Amino acid sequence: MQTEDDQLFGTLTMQIGQDGSQPVLFAVAPLGIAARPGVRIVVQPTMAEIGLPVDVCYPDGCRASADLSDTQLGQLAAAETLSVQFITFSDGTTLAADIPANSLIAPLVSAGVVLPDKG
């Protein structure tokens, strides 16, 4: 994810077994994220929310992650857009970026990962 002036805003990735098992969603946000709320992913159009607590912070950013339930994995597979949101610690401002869900899902499908049927 990048800002309008092409600065890196964060990354969103998923680790998952070839058979669709053990899905984990990861986000990396810049330093200064409010650690307690972590990162929130809002799945469009259902408005389902997936919370990613902060795991660790490094000099170049903080990593947040969560194991996904079968329901959440299905929501991601059927999503149109993912809104990645987090709060800055310094002033409490919410930063958000919308990304096409396909940018997360398509590479997995092309690698042969089995995802839930979109129904």
Protein backbone atom coordinates (compact mmCIF):
# COMPACT_ATOMS: atom_id res chain seq x y z
CA MET A 1 0.00 0.00 0.00
CA GLN A 2 1.28 3.42 -0.90
CA THR A 3 0.17 6.98 -0.23
CA GLU A 4 -0.81 9.33 -3.05
CA ASP A 5 2.77 10.63 -3.17
CA ASP A 6 4.13 7.06 -3.52
CA GLN A 7 5.41 6.69 0.03
CA LEU A 8 5.07 3.24 1.59
CA PHE A 9 2.04 3.14 3.90
CA GLY A 10 2.09 -0.52 4.87
CA THR A 11 1.84 -4.07 3.62
CA LEU A 12 -0.83 -6.74 3.87
CA THR A 13 0.03 -10.40 3.28
CA MET A 14 -1.34 -13.82 4.07
CA GLN A 15 0.46 -17.01 5.03
CA ILE A 16 -1.57 -20.11 4.23
CA GLY A 17 -1.04 -23.79 3.52
CA GLN A 18 -1.42 -25.07 -0.03
CA ASP A 19 -4.63 -26.83 1.07
CA GLY A 20 -6.03 -23.65 2.64
CA SER A 21 -5.07 -24.64 6.17
CA GLN A 22 -3.67 -22.43 8.92
CA PRO A 23 -4.35 -19.02 7.33
CA VAL A 24 -2.67 -16.08 9.04
CA LEU A 25 -3.20 -12.47 7.95
CA PHE A 26 -0.27 -10.06 8.49
CA ALA A 27 -0.08 -6.29 8.27
CA VAL A 28 3.00 -4.13 8.64
CA ALA A 29 2.36 -0.52 9.57
CA PRO A 30 4.77 2.36 10.11
CA LEU A 31 6.20 3.07 13.55
CA GLY A 32 3.87 5.18 15.63
CA ILE A 33 0.87 2.87 15.42
CA ALA A 34 -1.21 2.73 18.60
CA ALA A 35 -0.36 -0.80 19.72
CA ARG A 36 -3.47 -1.58 21.76
CA PRO A 37 -6.04 -1.38 18.94
CA GLY A 38 -3.60 -2.80 16.38
CA VAL A 39 -4.73 -2.94 12.76
CA ARG A 40 -8.30 -3.41 11.61
CA ILE A 41 -9.28 -4.89 8.25
CA VAL A 42 -12.81 -4.04 7.11
CA VAL A 43 -14.03 -6.44 4.44
CA GLN A 44 -16.23 -4.80 1.80
CA PRO A 45 -19.07 -5.11 0.99
CA THR A 46 -20.04 -7.13 4.11
CA MET A 47 -18.42 -4.68 6.55
CA ALA A 48 -17.01 -7.64 8.51
CA GLU A 49 -14.04 -6.65 10.64
CA ILE A 50 -10.87 -8.62 11.25
CA GLY A 51 -8.69 -7.37 14.10
CA LEU A 52 -4.93 -7.84 13.94
CA PRO A 53 -3.18 -7.24 17.29
CA VAL A 54 0.36 -5.89 17.15
CA ASP A 55 2.92 -8.69 17.55
CA VAL A 56 6.16 -6.76 17.51
CA CYS A 57 7.68 -3.44 16.43
CA TYR A 58 10.99 -3.07 14.60
CA PRO A 59 12.84 0.11 13.59
CA ASP A 60 11.00 0.12 10.24
CA GLY A 61 7.46 -0.66 11.44
CA CYS A 62 5.12 -2.77 13.52
CA ARG A 63 3.79 -6.20 12.57
CA ALA A 64 0.24 -7.18 13.44
CA SER A 65 -1.27 -10.58 12.72
CA ALA A 66 -4.14 -12.93 13.45
CA ASP A 67 -5.05 -16.52 12.68
CA LEU A 68 -8.12 -16.54 10.44
CA SER A 69 -11.23 -18.59 11.08
CA ASP A 70 -12.89 -20.44 8.20
CA THR A 71 -15.57 -17.74 8.18
CA GLN A 72 -13.00 -14.93 7.93
CA LEU A 73 -11.11 -16.74 5.17
CA GLY A 74 -14.37 -17.10 3.25
CA GLN A 75 -15.11 -13.40 3.73
CA LEU A 76 -11.68 -12.49 2.33
CA ALA A 77 -12.12 -14.84 -0.63
CA ALA A 78 -15.46 -13.18 -1.49
CA ALA A 79 -14.43 -9.59 -0.75
CA GLU A 80 -14.27 -6.77 -3.26
CA THR A 81 -12.22 -4.31 -1.22
CA LEU A 82 -10.22 -4.44 2.00
CA SER A 83 -9.92 -1.31 4.11
CA VAL A 84 -6.74 -1.42 6.20
CA GLN A 85 -7.06 0.90 9.21
CA PHE A 86 -4.93 1.82 12.17
CA ILE A 87 -4.64 4.63 14.69
CA THR A 88 -1.52 6.75 15.13
CA PHE A 89 -0.26 6.85 18.70
CA SER A 90 0.79 10.51 18.63
CA ASP A 91 -2.55 12.13 17.81
CA GLY A 92 -5.17 9.40 17.63
CA THR A 93 -5.84 9.95 13.93
CA THR A 94 -7.14 6.94 12.03
CA LEU A 95 -5.15 6.17 8.89
CA ALA A 96 -6.78 3.99 6.26
CA ALA A 97 -6.09 2.60 2.81
CA ASP A 98 -8.45 0.64 0.59
CA ILE A 99 -6.99 -2.11 -1.55
CA PRO A 100 -8.64 -4.46 -4.03
CA ALA A 101 -9.14 -7.80 -2.28
CA ASN A 102 -8.01 -9.53 -5.45
CA SER A 103 -4.49 -8.13 -4.93
CA LEU A 104 -4.27 -10.34 -1.81
CA ILE A 105 -6.24 -13.34 -3.09
CA ALA A 106 -5.15 -13.67 -6.77
CA PRO A 107 -1.48 -14.55 -6.03
CA LEU A 108 -2.64 -17.30 -3.65
CA VAL A 109 -5.04 -18.77 -6.19
CA SER A 110 -2.39 -18.64 -8.94
CA ALA A 111 -0.02 -20.52 -6.61
CA GLY A 112 -2.62 -23.28 -6.29
CA VAL A 113 -3.88 -22.51 -2.77
CA VAL A 114 -7.35 -23.92 -2.14
CA LEU A 115 -9.66 -21.19 -0.84
CA PRO A 116 -13.30 -21.47 0.22
CA ASP A 117 -15.89 -21.25 -2.55
CA LYS A 118 -17.15 -17.67 -2.91
CA GLY A 119 -20.68 -19.04 -2.91
